[in-house]
Amino acid sequence: PHCLKIFSRLYNLKSHLKTHSDEKPFNCSYCDRKFARNHDRKRHELLHQGEKKFQCGGILGDKVTKWGCGKKFARADGLGRH
């Protein structure tokens, strides 16, 4: 086994196993990085495009709020770490 991740759905396990493969058929259009899964390539390319659609504070569901610092991130996990 490559890692200790556990998945409740076979599809998710199969998708994750691709990340451990040396086969990386999806090339970034902007740099030399290659990816095993197309959705990882697409997510990576957002960093090159400067799109930052995840913001600290400002909107919570349908409500506009007054919390948060306003910093923007290209990916949801970046906002989560912030």
C-alpha atoms as a PDB file:
ATOM      1  CA  PRO A   1       0.000   0.000   0.000  1.00  0.00           C
ATOM      2  CA  HIS A   2       1.097   3.533  -0.776  1.00  0.00           C
ATOM      3  CA  CYS A   3      -0.715   5.326   2.031  1.00  0.00           C
ATOM      4  CA  LEU A   4      -3.235   4.686   4.763  1.00  0.00           C
ATOM      5  CA  LYS A   5      -6.184   6.615   3.334  1.00  0.00           C
ATOM      6  CA  ILE A   6      -9.566   4.920   3.611  1.00  0.00           C
ATOM      7  CA  PHE A   7     -12.419   5.425   1.158  1.00  0.00           C
ATOM      8  CA  SER A   8     -16.062   4.449   1.456  1.00  0.00           C
ATOM      9  CA  ARG A   9     -16.555   4.322  -2.319  1.00  0.00           C
ATOM     10  CA  LEU A  10     -14.577   2.190  -4.755  1.00  0.00           C
ATOM     11  CA  TYR A  11     -14.588   4.993  -7.341  1.00  0.00           C
ATOM     12  CA  ASN A  12     -12.826   7.344  -4.907  1.00  0.00           C
ATOM     13  CA  LEU A  13     -10.228   4.696  -4.066  1.00  0.00           C
ATOM     14  CA  LYS A  14      -9.502   4.054  -7.750  1.00  0.00           C
ATOM     15  CA  SER A  15      -9.219   7.778  -8.415  1.00  0.00           C
ATOM     16  CA  HIS A  16      -6.853   8.246  -5.473  1.00  0.00           C
ATOM     17  CA  LEU A  17      -4.655   5.314  -6.508  1.00  0.00           C
ATOM     18  CA  LYS A  18      -3.879   7.176  -9.736  1.00  0.00           C
ATOM     19  CA  THR A  19      -2.037   9.805  -7.677  1.00  0.00           C
ATOM     20  CA  HIS A  20       0.496   7.127  -6.681  1.00  0.00           C
ATOM     21  CA  SER A  21       1.122   6.100 -10.292  1.00  0.00           C
ATOM     22  CA  ASP A  22       4.108   7.226 -12.340  1.00  0.00           C
ATOM     23  CA  GLU A  23       1.738   7.650 -15.287  1.00  0.00           C
ATOM     24  CA  LYS A  24       0.840  11.344 -15.564  1.00  0.00           C
ATOM     25  CA  PRO A  25      -0.891  11.959 -18.912  1.00  0.00           C
ATOM     26  CA  PHE A  26      -2.321  15.410 -18.082  1.00  0.00           C
ATOM     27  CA  ASN A  27       0.079  18.290 -18.746  1.00  0.00           C
ATOM     28  CA  CYS A  28      -0.278  21.805 -17.390  1.00  0.00           C
ATOM     29  CA  SER A  29      -0.770  24.313 -20.212  1.00  0.00           C
ATOM     30  CA  TYR A  30       1.415  26.863 -18.407  1.00  0.00           C
ATOM     31  CA  CYS A  31       4.344  24.963 -16.893  1.00  0.00           C
ATOM     32  CA  ASP A  32       6.072  21.565 -16.957  1.00  0.00           C
ATOM     33  CA  ARG A  33       3.958  19.915 -14.239  1.00  0.00           C
ATOM     34  CA  LYS A  34       2.106  16.717 -15.088  1.00  0.00           C
ATOM     35  CA  PHE A  35      -0.829  15.099 -13.337  1.00  0.00           C
ATOM     36  CA  ALA A  36      -2.342  11.646 -13.022  1.00  0.00           C
ATOM     37  CA  ARG A  37      -5.877  13.080 -12.877  1.00  0.00           C
ATOM     38  CA  ASN A  38      -7.362  15.721 -15.144  1.00  0.00           C
ATOM     39  CA  HIS A  39      -9.233  17.474 -12.342  1.00  0.00           C
ATOM     40  CA  ASP A  40      -5.924  17.977 -10.498  1.00  0.00           C
ATOM     41  CA  ARG A  41      -4.478  19.597 -13.638  1.00  0.00           C
ATOM     42  CA  LYS A  42      -7.483  21.902 -13.956  1.00  0.00           C
ATOM     43  CA  ARG A  43      -7.252  22.908 -10.298  1.00  0.00           C
ATOM     44  CA  HIS A  44      -3.519  23.577 -10.682  1.00  0.00           C
ATOM     45  CA  GLU A  45      -4.045  25.727 -13.786  1.00  0.00           C
ATOM     46  CA  LEU A  46      -6.303  28.060 -11.786  1.00  0.00           C
ATOM     47  CA  LEU A  47      -3.163  29.123  -9.917  1.00  0.00           C
ATOM     48  CA  HIS A  48      -1.605  30.282 -13.196  1.00  0.00           C
ATOM     49  CA  GLN A  49      -4.768  32.070 -14.264  1.00  0.00           C
ATOM     50  CA  GLY A  50      -4.868  34.123 -11.072  1.00  0.00           C
ATOM     51  CA  GLU A  51      -8.475  33.186 -10.343  1.00  0.00           C
ATOM     52  CA  LYS A  52      -9.135  33.473  -6.610  1.00  0.00           C
ATOM     53  CA  LYS A  53     -12.759  32.679  -5.882  1.00  0.00           C
ATOM     54  CA  PHE A  54     -12.414  31.652  -2.215  1.00  0.00           C
ATOM     55  CA  GLN A  55     -12.404  34.579   0.212  1.00  0.00           C
ATOM     56  CA  CYS A  56     -11.940  34.800   3.968  1.00  0.00           C
ATOM     57  CA  GLY A  57     -15.204  36.170   5.299  1.00  0.00           C
ATOM     58  CA  GLY A  58     -17.745  38.302   3.533  1.00  0.00           C
ATOM     59  CA  ILE A  59     -20.388  35.706   2.653  1.00  0.00           C
ATOM     60  CA  LEU A  60     -21.803  32.894   4.738  1.00  0.00           C
ATOM     61  CA  GLY A  61     -24.478  31.020   2.835  1.00  0.00           C
ATOM     62  CA  ASP A  62     -26.872  33.679   1.548  1.00  0.00           C
ATOM     63  CA  LYS A  63     -25.906  36.236   4.222  1.00  0.00           C
ATOM     64  CA  VAL A  64     -23.344  39.002   3.837  1.00  0.00           C
ATOM     65  CA  THR A  65     -21.339  39.129   7.065  1.00  0.00           C
ATOM     66  CA  LYS A  66     -18.774  41.461   8.644  1.00  0.00           C
ATOM     67  CA  TRP A  67     -16.194  38.842   9.663  1.00  0.00           C
ATOM     68  CA  GLY A  68     -12.939  37.749   8.037  1.00  0.00           C
ATOM     69  CA  CYS A  69      -9.907  39.525   6.639  1.00  0.00           C
ATOM     70  CA  GLY A  70     -10.927  39.493   2.957  1.00  0.00           C
ATOM     71  CA  LYS A  71      -7.858  37.581   1.715  1.00  0.00           C
ATOM     72  CA  LYS A  72      -8.608  35.550  -1.437  1.00  0.00           C
ATOM     73  CA  PHE A  73      -7.410  32.092  -2.428  1.00  0.00           C
ATOM     74  CA  ALA A  74      -7.413  30.070  -5.644  1.00  0.00           C
ATOM     75  CA  ARG A  75      -8.381  26.867  -3.826  1.00  0.00           C
ATOM     76  CA  ALA A  76     -10.757  26.014  -0.999  1.00  0.00           C
ATOM     77  CA  ASP A  77      -8.057  24.087   0.862  1.00  0.00           C
ATOM     78  CA  GLY A  78      -5.888  27.222   0.886  1.00  0.00           C
ATOM     79  CA  LEU A  79      -8.700  29.141   2.527  1.00  0.00           C
ATOM     80  CA  GLY A  80      -9.204  26.274   4.969  1.00  0.00           C
ATOM     81  CA  ARG A  81      -5.531  26.346   6.029  1.00  0.00           C
ATOM     82  CA  HIS A  82      -5.725  30.143   6.425  1.00  0.00           C
END
